[in-house]
Amino acid sequence: MRFSICCIILMIVNDVSFGGMYSAAFKVKVLGEDERPVTNASVLAAFWDANAPGYGGGRHIGESITKLSDTNGVCEFEGRCDGSVEWKVTTEGYYPFYGPMISFTNVTALGKLEPWGSVYYASVRRIVNPIPMYSRNLNLRRPLLQVPEIDKEYGFDLMKADWVEPFGKGTVPDLLIRVEVKPVKVDDDFFVKNPEASKPRHKVLFIGFPNPDDGIQPFYASPHVGSTFRLPRYAFETGYENKCVIEYISDGLRVIQNDMSREDQNYLFRVRTRRDEKGKMVSALYGKIEGRFDFDQFGVVTFHYF
């Protein structure tokens, strides 16, 4: 009995001395794409807690609560945390939805985190007739895809995931890819003043299409927040551009332009478009690129496409 009492006292002392646990309350309202409430959706709330001294620092999830949405699509949560709560929604027939991190701003005299009882919305997307697609992640390819030579254009076959002959196994040049690398002019004393700087470069990735009806267009959707099915359900019929230029410019210390920095960057594309003798479009292959194009000064190009 004496040992148990000591353990309880130690737990209380640690909680008070460490400080950062307070009461938090919020609501999640689950809606479908038609903005109608979704009933019986499973909502998980993870309340963050800081590790006690001596446990390596950092943070961990102290409490997890799962509830089902009511007839109005609402779940109410109350728990204790150090100021942050993560949450997600999973329900049969819908793609998972990851909500934004809830970060409370201040603490009242009663130890309650504000804003208290705020409502956060989840717009879940229904799984409707999923269509199988080819998936090629060039980030996982070994060896990595690399242009045979800098400053020259090469055809890339999306179906074969390779350069067209004679540089690879591809037969149809769906994309035309060129990487250019040019020096950035600096003052004569630049490296004297900045001895740790690397050689400044201006890197450019050109994506083109040999077929005038083919093309690409950007689409912005966060990979970390919202539905895991984040791109459009149907391909757009218009809006495709016949080229895409991505630049990275640095003077060795500062990044002047970086088109590869957006985490919400995605693309839709159309290739192998065919028209009949009257000029009517009769067929095409549509696809999507999840994430961005990446490339370096050695001509390595990576992207994840479907």
C-alpha atoms as a PDB file:
ATOM      1  CA  MET A   1       0.000   0.000   0.000  1.00  0.00           C
ATOM      2  CA  ARG A   2       2.859   2.391   0.812  1.00  0.00           C
ATOM      3  CA  PHE A   3       4.378   1.848  -2.631  1.00  0.00           C
ATOM      4  CA  SER A   4       1.062   2.595  -4.377  1.00  0.00           C
ATOM      5  CA  ILE A   5       0.592   5.868  -2.467  1.00  0.00           C
ATOM      6  CA  CYS A   6       4.114   6.988  -3.396  1.00  0.00           C
ATOM      7  CA  CYS A   7       3.442   6.256  -7.066  1.00  0.00           C
ATOM      8  CA  ILE A   8       0.275   8.331  -7.011  1.00  0.00           C
ATOM      9  CA  ILE A   9       2.053  11.241  -5.323  1.00  0.00           C
ATOM     10  CA  LEU A  10       4.863  11.149  -7.900  1.00  0.00           C
ATOM     11  CA  MET A  11       2.392  11.216 -10.764  1.00  0.00           C
ATOM     12  CA  ILE A  12       0.638  14.254  -9.339  1.00  0.00           C
ATOM     13  CA  VAL A  13       3.894  16.121  -8.720  1.00  0.00           C
ATOM     14  CA  ASN A  14       5.129  15.433 -12.243  1.00  0.00           C
ATOM     15  CA  ASP A  15       1.877  16.658 -13.753  1.00  0.00           C
ATOM     16  CA  VAL A  16       1.923  19.902 -11.775  1.00  0.00           C
ATOM     17  CA  SER A  17       5.628  20.637 -12.221  1.00  0.00           C
ATOM     18  CA  PHE A  18       5.615  19.824 -15.913  1.00  0.00           C
ATOM     19  CA  GLY A  19       2.669  22.076 -16.422  1.00  0.00           C
ATOM     20  CA  GLY A  20       1.463  21.649 -19.962  1.00  0.00           C
ATOM     21  CA  MET A  21      -1.771  19.676 -19.666  1.00  0.00           C
ATOM     22  CA  TYR A  22      -5.044  21.558 -19.960  1.00  0.00           C
ATOM     23  CA  SER A  23      -8.681  20.872 -20.784  1.00  0.00           C
ATOM     24  CA  ALA A  24      -9.648  21.198 -24.443  1.00  0.00           C
ATOM     25  CA  ALA A  25     -13.020  20.898 -26.194  1.00  0.00           C
ATOM     26  CA  PHE A  26     -14.009  21.021 -29.861  1.00  0.00           C
ATOM     27  CA  LYS A  27     -16.526  19.629 -32.335  1.00  0.00           C
ATOM     28  CA  VAL A  28     -16.175  17.945 -35.732  1.00  0.00           C
ATOM     29  CA  LYS A  29     -18.972  18.151 -38.282  1.00  0.00           C
ATOM     30  CA  VAL A  30     -18.807  15.568 -41.077  1.00  0.00           C
ATOM     31  CA  LEU A  31     -20.365  16.512 -44.405  1.00  0.00           C
ATOM     32  CA  GLY A  32     -20.530  14.777 -47.763  1.00  0.00           C
ATOM     33  CA  GLU A  33     -19.667  16.379 -51.089  1.00  0.00           C
ATOM     34  CA  ASP A  34     -23.328  17.465 -51.294  1.00  0.00           C
ATOM     35  CA  GLU A  35     -22.827  19.289 -47.945  1.00  0.00           C
ATOM     36  CA  ARG A  36     -25.325  16.993 -46.208  1.00  0.00           C
ATOM     37  CA  PRO A  37     -24.440  15.535 -42.778  1.00  0.00           C
ATOM     38  CA  VAL A  38     -22.861  12.073 -42.700  1.00  0.00           C
ATOM     39  CA  THR A  39     -24.182   9.940 -39.838  1.00  0.00           C
ATOM     40  CA  ASN A  40     -22.176   7.265 -38.000  1.00  0.00           C
ATOM     41  CA  ALA A  41     -18.844   8.474 -39.356  1.00  0.00           C
ATOM     42  CA  SER A  42     -15.955   7.374 -37.119  1.00  0.00           C
ATOM     43  CA  VAL A  43     -13.959  10.362 -35.862  1.00  0.00           C
ATOM     44  CA  LEU A  44     -10.669   9.814 -34.018  1.00  0.00           C
ATOM     45  CA  ALA A  45      -9.196  12.631 -31.898  1.00  0.00           C
ATOM     46  CA  ALA A  46      -5.597  12.338 -30.651  1.00  0.00           C
ATOM     47  CA  PHE A  47      -4.691  14.669 -27.773  1.00  0.00           C
ATOM     48  CA  TRP A  48      -0.972  15.475 -27.667  1.00  0.00           C
ATOM     49  CA  ASP A  49       1.050  15.417 -24.470  1.00  0.00           C
ATOM     50  CA  ALA A  50       4.648  16.425 -23.767  1.00  0.00           C
ATOM     51  CA  ASN A  51       6.958  13.722 -22.459  1.00  0.00           C
ATOM     52  CA  ALA A  52       7.886  14.041 -18.811  1.00  0.00           C
ATOM     53  CA  PRO A  53      11.511  14.943 -17.969  1.00  0.00           C
ATOM     54  CA  GLY A  54      13.849  11.972 -18.225  1.00  0.00           C
ATOM     55  CA  TYR A  55      11.930  10.326 -21.079  1.00  0.00           C
ATOM     56  CA  GLY A  56      13.954  11.758 -23.930  1.00  0.00           C
ATOM     57  CA  GLY A  57      11.959  14.937 -24.443  1.00  0.00           C
ATOM     58  CA  GLY A  58       9.584  15.414 -27.311  1.00  0.00           C
ATOM     59  CA  ARG A  59       5.862  14.690 -27.342  1.00  0.00           C
ATOM     60  CA  HIS A  60       3.496  11.756 -27.596  1.00  0.00           C
ATOM     61  CA  ILE A  61      -0.218  11.104 -27.927  1.00  0.00           C
ATOM     62  CA  GLY A  62      -1.563  11.001 -24.401  1.00  0.00           C
ATOM     63  CA  GLU A  63      -5.199  10.191 -25.097  1.00  0.00           C
ATOM     64  CA  SER A  64      -7.146   8.982 -28.119  1.00  0.00           C
ATOM     65  CA  ILE A  65     -10.941   9.219 -28.310  1.00  0.00           C
ATOM     66  CA  THR A  66     -13.123   7.756 -31.071  1.00  0.00           C
ATOM     67  CA  LYS A  67     -16.754   8.736 -31.536  1.00  0.00           C
ATOM     68  CA  LEU A  68     -19.496   8.338 -34.152  1.00  0.00           C
ATOM     69  CA  SER A  69     -21.125  11.367 -35.734  1.00  0.00           C
ATOM     70  CA  ASP A  70     -24.779  11.964 -34.843  1.00  0.00           C
ATOM     71  CA  THR A  71     -27.695  12.625 -37.201  1.00  0.00           C
ATOM     72  CA  ASN A  72     -26.338  16.147 -37.752  1.00  0.00           C
ATOM     73  CA  GLY A  73     -22.891  14.764 -38.597  1.00  0.00           C
ATOM     74  CA  VAL A  74     -21.449  16.167 -35.348  1.00  0.00           C
ATOM     75  CA  CYS A  75     -19.049  14.697 -32.783  1.00  0.00           C
ATOM     76  CA  GLU A  76     -18.151  16.524 -29.565  1.00  0.00           C
ATOM     77  CA  PHE A  77     -14.781  15.955 -27.895  1.00  0.00           C
ATOM     78  CA  GLU A  78     -13.299  16.973 -24.571  1.00  0.00           C
ATOM     79  CA  GLY A  79      -9.922  15.886 -23.208  1.00  0.00           C
ATOM     80  CA  ARG A  80      -6.580  17.069 -21.876  1.00  0.00           C
ATOM     81  CA  CYS A  81      -3.597  18.050 -24.023  1.00  0.00           C
ATOM     82  CA  ASP A  82      -0.584  20.331 -24.199  1.00  0.00           C
ATOM     83  CA  GLY A  83      -2.224  22.602 -26.777  1.00  0.00           C
ATOM     84  CA  SER A  84      -2.531  20.428 -29.895  1.00  0.00           C
ATOM     85  CA  VAL A  85      -5.010  17.847 -31.153  1.00  0.00           C
ATOM     86  CA  GLU A  86      -4.990  15.823 -34.362  1.00  0.00           C
ATOM     87  CA  TRP A  87      -8.103  14.224 -35.828  1.00  0.00           C
ATOM     88  CA  LYS A  88      -9.279  12.150 -38.757  1.00  0.00           C
ATOM     89  CA  VAL A  89     -12.499  10.706 -40.147  1.00  0.00           C
ATOM     90  CA  THR A  90     -12.966   7.189 -41.495  1.00  0.00           C
ATOM     91  CA  THR A  91     -16.289   5.720 -42.529  1.00  0.00           C
ATOM     92  CA  GLU A  92     -17.414   2.930 -44.824  1.00  0.00           C
ATOM     93  CA  GLY A  93     -17.965   4.010 -48.411  1.00  0.00           C
ATOM     94  CA  TYR A  94     -15.827   7.150 -48.118  1.00  0.00           C
ATOM     95  CA  TYR A  95     -12.157   7.990 -48.481  1.00  0.00           C
ATOM     96  CA  PRO A  96     -10.351   8.802 -45.198  1.00  0.00           C
ATOM     97  CA  PHE A  97     -10.199  12.472 -44.245  1.00  0.00           C
ATOM     98  CA  TYR A  98      -7.341  14.028 -42.244  1.00  0.00           C
ATOM     99  CA  GLY A  99      -8.242  17.234 -40.450  1.00  0.00           C
ATOM    100  CA  PRO A 100      -5.840  20.120 -39.863  1.00  0.00           C
ATOM    101  CA  MET A 101      -3.929  20.174 -36.605  1.00  0.00           C
ATOM    102  CA  ILE A 102      -5.907  22.015 -33.939  1.00  0.00           C
ATOM    103  CA  SER A 103      -3.599  24.441 -32.131  1.00  0.00           C
ATOM    104  CA  PHE A 104      -5.135  26.218 -29.159  1.00  0.00           C
ATOM    105  CA  THR A 105      -4.008  29.790 -28.566  1.00  0.00           C
ATOM    106  CA  ASN A 106      -4.199  30.490 -24.820  1.00  0.00           C
ATOM    107  CA  VAL A 107      -5.315  29.188 -21.427  1.00  0.00           C
ATOM    108  CA  THR A 108      -8.041  30.601 -19.183  1.00  0.00           C
ATOM    109  CA  ALA A 109      -7.692  30.964 -15.414  1.00  0.00           C
ATOM    110  CA  LEU A 110      -9.716  27.760 -15.059  1.00  0.00           C
ATOM    111  CA  GLY A 111      -7.162  25.795 -17.092  1.00  0.00           C
ATOM    112  CA  LYS A 112      -9.273  25.610 -20.244  1.00  0.00           C
ATOM    113  CA  LEU A 113      -7.712  25.993 -23.673  1.00  0.00           C
ATOM    114  CA  GLU A 114      -9.177  28.533 -26.063  1.00  0.00           C
ATOM    115  CA  PRO A 115     -10.898  28.603 -28.438  1.00  0.00           C
ATOM    116  CA  TRP A 116     -13.248  26.338 -26.468  1.00  0.00           C
ATOM    117  CA  GLY A 117     -15.824  24.280 -28.375  1.00  0.00           C
ATOM    118  CA  SER A 118     -14.938  25.448 -31.895  1.00  0.00           C
ATOM    119  CA  VAL A 119     -16.385  23.525 -34.840  1.00  0.00           C
ATOM    120  CA  TYR A 120     -14.123  21.960 -37.491  1.00  0.00           C
ATOM    121  CA  TYR A 121     -15.538  20.645 -40.756  1.00  0.00           C
ATOM    122  CA  ALA A 122     -14.689  17.481 -42.661  1.00  0.00           C
ATOM    123  CA  SER A 123     -15.870  17.169 -46.261  1.00  0.00           C
ATOM    124  CA  VAL A 124     -15.571  13.448 -47.001  1.00  0.00           C
ATOM    125  CA  ARG A 125     -15.606  12.127 -50.553  1.00  0.00           C
ATOM    126  CA  ARG A 126     -17.610   9.047 -51.427  1.00  0.00           C
ATOM    127  CA  ILE A 127     -15.928   6.081 -53.157  1.00  0.00           C
ATOM    128  CA  VAL A 128     -17.715   5.936 -56.508  1.00  0.00           C
ATOM    129  CA  ASN A 129     -16.796   3.413 -59.222  1.00  0.00           C
ATOM    130  CA  PRO A 130     -12.995   3.531 -58.739  1.00  0.00           C
ATOM    131  CA  ILE A 131     -11.127   2.984 -62.003  1.00  0.00           C
ATOM    132  CA  PRO A 132      -7.821   1.059 -61.987  1.00  0.00           C
ATOM    133  CA  MET A 133      -4.909   3.117 -63.311  1.00  0.00           C
ATOM    134  CA  TYR A 134      -1.286   2.432 -64.115  1.00  0.00           C
ATOM    135  CA  SER A 135       0.892   3.804 -61.306  1.00  0.00           C
ATOM    136  CA  ARG A 136       4.529   4.712 -61.842  1.00  0.00           C
ATOM    137  CA  ASN A 137       6.585   6.309 -59.071  1.00  0.00           C
ATOM    138  CA  LEU A 138       9.893   7.364 -60.586  1.00  0.00           C
ATOM    139  CA  ASN A 139      11.169   8.224 -57.093  1.00  0.00           C
ATOM    140  CA  LEU A 140      11.382   4.460 -56.489  1.00  0.00           C
ATOM    141  CA  ARG A 141      12.912   3.546 -59.835  1.00  0.00           C
ATOM    142  CA  ARG A 142      16.422   2.075 -59.777  1.00  0.00           C
ATOM    143  CA  PRO A 143      18.435   3.360 -61.407  1.00  0.00           C
ATOM    144  CA  LEU A 144      16.768   6.760 -61.199  1.00  0.00           C
ATOM    145  CA  LEU A 145      15.562   8.314 -64.426  1.00  0.00           C
ATOM    146  CA  GLN A 146      18.278  10.594 -65.786  1.00  0.00           C
ATOM    147  CA  VAL A 147      18.443  12.480 -69.076  1.00  0.00           C
ATOM    148  CA  PRO A 148      21.245  11.056 -71.221  1.00  0.00           C
ATOM    149  CA  GLU A 149      22.675  14.537 -71.695  1.00  0.00           C
ATOM    150  CA  ILE A 150      22.044  17.987 -70.208  1.00  0.00           C
ATOM    151  CA  ASP A 151      20.545  20.670 -72.495  1.00  0.00           C
ATOM    152  CA  LYS A 152      19.069  18.113 -74.904  1.00  0.00           C
ATOM    153  CA  GLU A 153      15.441  16.999 -75.337  1.00  0.00           C
ATOM    154  CA  TYR A 154      14.359  13.380 -74.944  1.00  0.00           C
ATOM    155  CA  GLY A 155      11.049  11.614 -75.453  1.00  0.00           C
ATOM    156  CA  PHE A 156       9.535   9.753 -72.492  1.00  0.00           C
ATOM    157  CA  ASP A 157       6.981   6.934 -72.825  1.00  0.00           C
ATOM    158  CA  LEU A 158       4.512   7.062 -69.909  1.00  0.00           C
ATOM    159  CA  MET A 159       3.205   3.539 -70.523  1.00  0.00           C
ATOM    160  CA  LYS A 160       6.703   2.024 -70.555  1.00  0.00           C
ATOM    161  CA  ALA A 161       8.041   4.463 -67.922  1.00  0.00           C
ATOM    162  CA  ASP A 162      11.232   4.891 -69.921  1.00  0.00           C
ATOM    163  CA  TRP A 163      12.965   6.997 -72.538  1.00  0.00           C
ATOM    164  CA  VAL A 164      12.039   6.198 -76.117  1.00  0.00           C
ATOM    165  CA  GLU A 165      14.475   4.234 -78.251  1.00  0.00           C
ATOM    166  CA  PRO A 166      17.437   4.258 -78.552  1.00  0.00           C
ATOM    167  CA  PHE A 167      17.861   5.562 -74.968  1.00  0.00           C
ATOM    168  CA  GLY A 168      15.275   3.243 -73.405  1.00  0.00           C
ATOM    169  CA  LYS A 169      12.474   0.764 -74.038  1.00  0.00           C
ATOM    170  CA  GLY A 170       9.817   3.350 -74.864  1.00  0.00           C
ATOM    171  CA  THR A 171       8.183   3.631 -78.275  1.00  0.00           C
ATOM    172  CA  VAL A 172       5.799   6.619 -77.989  1.00  0.00           C
ATOM    173  CA  PRO A 173       7.150  10.030 -76.882  1.00  0.00           C
ATOM    174  CA  ASP A 174       4.293  11.154 -74.620  1.00  0.00           C
ATOM    175  CA  LEU A 175       6.462  13.808 -72.969  1.00  0.00           C
ATOM    176  CA  LEU A 176       9.463  15.757 -74.203  1.00  0.00           C
ATOM    177  CA  ILE A 177      11.849  16.362 -71.297  1.00  0.00           C
ATOM    178  CA  ARG A 178      14.863  18.674 -71.217  1.00  0.00           C
ATOM    179  CA  VAL A 179      17.028  19.759 -68.294  1.00  0.00           C
ATOM    180  CA  GLU A 180      19.139  22.892 -68.586  1.00  0.00           C
ATOM    181  CA  VAL A 181      21.791  23.938 -66.091  1.00  0.00           C
ATOM    182  CA  LYS A 182      23.438  27.334 -66.396  1.00  0.00           C
ATOM    183  CA  PRO A 183      25.901  29.127 -64.110  1.00  0.00           C
ATOM    184  CA  VAL A 184      24.674  32.119 -62.126  1.00  0.00           C
ATOM    185  CA  LYS A 185      26.952  35.139 -62.448  1.00  0.00           C
ATOM    186  CA  VAL A 186      28.385  36.369 -59.138  1.00  0.00           C
ATOM    187  CA  ASP A 187      30.877  39.038 -58.132  1.00  0.00           C
ATOM    188  CA  ASP A 188      34.573  38.202 -58.321  1.00  0.00           C
ATOM    189  CA  ASP A 189      34.899  38.216 -54.530  1.00  0.00           C
ATOM    190  CA  PHE A 190      31.727  36.157 -53.940  1.00  0.00           C
ATOM    191  CA  PHE A 191      33.575  33.018 -52.800  1.00  0.00           C
ATOM    192  CA  VAL A 192      36.037  35.054 -50.761  1.00  0.00           C
ATOM    193  CA  LYS A 193      33.137  36.529 -48.814  1.00  0.00           C
ATOM    194  CA  ASN A 194      31.214  33.239 -48.818  1.00  0.00           C
ATOM    195  CA  PRO A 195      33.793  30.435 -48.592  1.00  0.00           C
ATOM    196  CA  GLU A 196      31.137  27.811 -47.701  1.00  0.00           C
ATOM    197  CA  ALA A 197      28.889  28.608 -50.663  1.00  0.00           C
ATOM    198  CA  SER A 198      28.463  26.081 -53.459  1.00  0.00           C
ATOM    199  CA  LYS A 199      28.711  27.004 -57.112  1.00  0.00           C
ATOM    200  CA  PRO A 200      25.527  28.953 -57.977  1.00  0.00           C
ATOM    201  CA  ARG A 201      23.346  27.380 -60.680  1.00  0.00           C
ATOM    202  CA  HIS A 202      20.178  28.134 -62.592  1.00  0.00           C
ATOM    203  CA  LYS A 203      18.345  24.845 -63.198  1.00  0.00           C
ATOM    204  CA  VAL A 204      15.379  24.570 -65.547  1.00  0.00           C
ATOM    205  CA  LEU A 205      13.130  21.602 -66.348  1.00  0.00           C
ATOM    206  CA  PHE A 206      11.160  21.768 -69.599  1.00  0.00           C
ATOM    207  CA  ILE A 207       8.167  19.451 -70.091  1.00  0.00           C
ATOM    208  CA  GLY A 208       6.673  19.506 -73.592  1.00  0.00           C
ATOM    209  CA  PHE A 209       4.312  17.481 -75.782  1.00  0.00           C
ATOM    210  CA  PRO A 210       4.839  16.512 -79.422  1.00  0.00           C
ATOM    211  CA  ASN A 211       1.085  16.305 -80.029  1.00  0.00           C
ATOM    212  CA  PRO A 212      -0.528  19.801 -80.123  1.00  0.00           C
ATOM    213  CA  ASP A 213      -3.734  18.465 -78.498  1.00  0.00           C
ATOM    214  CA  ASP A 214      -1.834  16.997 -75.542  1.00  0.00           C
ATOM    215  CA  GLY A 215      -0.875  18.995 -72.496  1.00  0.00           C
ATOM    216  CA  ILE A 216      -0.699  19.525 -68.749  1.00  0.00           C
ATOM    217  CA  GLN A 217      -2.262  21.783 -66.123  1.00  0.00           C
ATOM    218  CA  PRO A 218      -1.538  22.340 -62.432  1.00  0.00           C
ATOM    219  CA  PHE A 219      -3.940  21.419 -59.656  1.00  0.00           C
ATOM    220  CA  TYR A 220      -3.350  22.435 -56.043  1.00  0.00           C
ATOM    221  CA  ALA A 221      -4.386  20.178 -53.141  1.00  0.00           C
ATOM    222  CA  SER A 222      -2.574  19.542 -49.866  1.00  0.00           C
ATOM    223  CA  PRO A 223      -1.142  16.026 -49.383  1.00  0.00           C
ATOM    224  CA  HIS A 224      -1.448  16.292 -45.592  1.00  0.00           C
ATOM    225  CA  VAL A 225      -4.916  17.735 -44.928  1.00  0.00           C
ATOM    226  CA  GLY A 226      -8.304  16.760 -46.316  1.00  0.00           C
ATOM    227  CA  SER A 227      -9.488  13.696 -48.214  1.00  0.00           C
ATOM    228  CA  THR A 228      -6.879  11.151 -49.249  1.00  0.00           C
ATOM    229  CA  PHE A 229      -8.597  11.252 -52.646  1.00  0.00           C
ATOM    230  CA  ARG A 230      -7.493  14.800 -53.284  1.00  0.00           C
ATOM    231  CA  LEU A 231      -7.511  15.219 -57.061  1.00  0.00           C
ATOM    232  CA  PRO A 232     -10.586  15.753 -59.275  1.00  0.00           C
ATOM    233  CA  ARG A 233     -12.902  12.796 -59.820  1.00  0.00           C
ATOM    234  CA  TYR A 234     -13.025  13.459 -63.569  1.00  0.00           C
ATOM    235  CA  ALA A 235     -10.372  14.787 -65.927  1.00  0.00           C
ATOM    236  CA  PHE A 236     -10.885  18.314 -67.202  1.00  0.00           C
ATOM    237  CA  GLU A 237     -11.820  18.626 -70.876  1.00  0.00           C
ATOM    238  CA  THR A 238     -10.016  21.944 -71.371  1.00  0.00           C
ATOM    239  CA  GLY A 239      -7.217  24.016 -69.871  1.00  0.00           C
ATOM    240  CA  TYR A 240      -4.228  21.902 -70.928  1.00  0.00           C
ATOM    241  CA  GLU A 241      -1.042  23.749 -71.819  1.00  0.00           C
ATOM    242  CA  ASN A 242       1.421  22.276 -74.299  1.00  0.00           C
ATOM    243  CA  LYS A 243       4.429  22.995 -72.108  1.00  0.00           C
ATOM    244  CA  CYS A 244       5.479  23.348 -68.483  1.00  0.00           C
ATOM    245  CA  VAL A 245       8.612  25.115 -67.238  1.00  0.00           C
ATOM    246  CA  ILE A 246       9.957  24.583 -63.704  1.00  0.00           C
ATOM    247  CA  GLU A 247      12.894  26.642 -62.414  1.00  0.00           C
ATOM    248  CA  TYR A 248      15.248  26.599 -59.472  1.00  0.00           C
ATOM    249  CA  ILE A 249      17.505  29.629 -59.138  1.00  0.00           C
ATOM    250  CA  SER A 250      20.024  30.130 -56.349  1.00  0.00           C
ATOM    251  CA  ASP A 251      22.998  32.427 -55.907  1.00  0.00           C
ATOM    252  CA  GLY A 252      24.719  29.847 -53.750  1.00  0.00           C
ATOM    253  CA  LEU A 253      23.312  31.064 -50.441  1.00  0.00           C
ATOM    254  CA  ARG A 254      19.821  32.361 -51.164  1.00  0.00           C
ATOM    255  CA  VAL A 255      17.083  30.658 -53.163  1.00  0.00           C
ATOM    256  CA  ILE A 256      15.767  33.264 -55.593  1.00  0.00           C
ATOM    257  CA  GLN A 257      13.119  31.081 -57.221  1.00  0.00           C
ATOM    258  CA  ASN A 258      12.065  27.516 -56.388  1.00  0.00           C
ATOM    259  CA  ASP A 259       9.115  26.120 -58.343  1.00  0.00           C
ATOM    260  CA  MET A 260       9.590  22.773 -56.570  1.00  0.00           C
ATOM    261  CA  SER A 261       8.810  24.088 -53.089  1.00  0.00           C
ATOM    262  CA  ARG A 262       4.991  23.815 -53.102  1.00  0.00           C
ATOM    263  CA  GLU A 263       3.767  20.769 -51.195  1.00  0.00           C
ATOM    264  CA  ASP A 264       0.253  21.169 -52.643  1.00  0.00           C
ATOM    265  CA  GLN A 265       1.466  20.973 -56.264  1.00  0.00           C
ATOM    266  CA  ASN A 266      -0.204  18.355 -58.493  1.00  0.00           C
ATOM    267  CA  TYR A 267      -0.905  18.062 -62.211  1.00  0.00           C
ATOM    268  CA  LEU A 268      -3.470  16.655 -64.636  1.00  0.00           C
ATOM    269  CA  PHE A 269      -2.363  15.675 -68.135  1.00  0.00           C
ATOM    270  CA  ARG A 270      -3.676  14.421 -71.462  1.00  0.00           C
ATOM    271  CA  VAL A 271      -1.625  12.451 -74.000  1.00  0.00           C
ATOM    272  CA  ARG A 272      -2.098  10.417 -77.202  1.00  0.00           C
ATOM    273  CA  THR A 273      -5.047  12.541 -78.248  1.00  0.00           C
ATOM    274  CA  ARG A 274      -6.613  11.532 -81.571  1.00  0.00           C
ATOM    275  CA  ARG A 275      -9.074  13.337 -83.820  1.00  0.00           C
ATOM    276  CA  ASP A 276     -11.127  12.011 -86.716  1.00  0.00           C
ATOM    277  CA  GLU A 277     -11.111  13.374 -90.266  1.00  0.00           C
ATOM    278  CA  LYS A 278     -13.627  16.046 -89.235  1.00  0.00           C
ATOM    279  CA  GLY A 279     -11.391  17.268 -86.418  1.00  0.00           C
ATOM    280  CA  LYS A 280     -13.508  15.795 -83.617  1.00  0.00           C
ATOM    281  CA  MET A 281     -11.586  14.403 -80.653  1.00  0.00           C
ATOM    282  CA  VAL A 282     -12.231  10.654 -80.509  1.00  0.00           C
ATOM    283  CA  SER A 283      -9.762   9.329 -77.925  1.00  0.00           C
ATOM    284  CA  ALA A 284      -7.091  10.343 -75.422  1.00  0.00           C
ATOM    285  CA  LEU A 285      -5.301   9.056 -72.336  1.00  0.00           C
ATOM    286  CA  TYR A 286      -5.796  11.130 -69.197  1.00  0.00           C
ATOM    287  CA  GLY A 287      -3.686  10.950 -66.077  1.00  0.00           C
ATOM    288  CA  LYS A 288      -2.553  12.716 -62.955  1.00  0.00           C
ATOM    289  CA  ILE A 289       0.717  13.494 -61.244  1.00  0.00           C
ATOM    290  CA  GLU A 290       0.534  13.396 -57.453  1.00  0.00           C
ATOM    291  CA  GLY A 291       3.013  15.854 -56.073  1.00  0.00           C
ATOM    292  CA  ARG A 292       5.567  17.820 -58.033  1.00  0.00           C
ATOM    293  CA  PHE A 293       8.338  17.260 -60.557  1.00  0.00           C
ATOM    294  CA  ASP A 294      11.785  17.075 -58.957  1.00  0.00           C
ATOM    295  CA  PHE A 295      15.104  17.351 -60.772  1.00  0.00           C
ATOM    296  CA  ASP A 296      18.726  18.190 -60.096  1.00  0.00           C
ATOM    297  CA  GLN A 297      21.787  19.576 -61.861  1.00  0.00           C
ATOM    298  CA  PHE A 298      22.809  16.078 -62.957  1.00  0.00           C
ATOM    299  CA  GLY A 299      19.625  15.584 -64.976  1.00  0.00           C
ATOM    300  CA  VAL A 300      17.826  13.199 -62.600  1.00  0.00           C
ATOM    301  CA  VAL A 301      14.047  13.688 -63.005  1.00  0.00           C
ATOM    302  CA  THR A 302      11.463  12.143 -60.669  1.00  0.00           C
ATOM    303  CA  PHE A 303       7.668  12.336 -60.396  1.00  0.00           C
ATOM    304  CA  HIS A 304       4.770  10.041 -59.403  1.00  0.00           C
ATOM    305  CA  TYR A 305       2.095   9.613 -62.063  1.00  0.00           C
ATOM    306  CA  PHE A 306      -1.043   7.621 -62.730  1.00  0.00           C
END
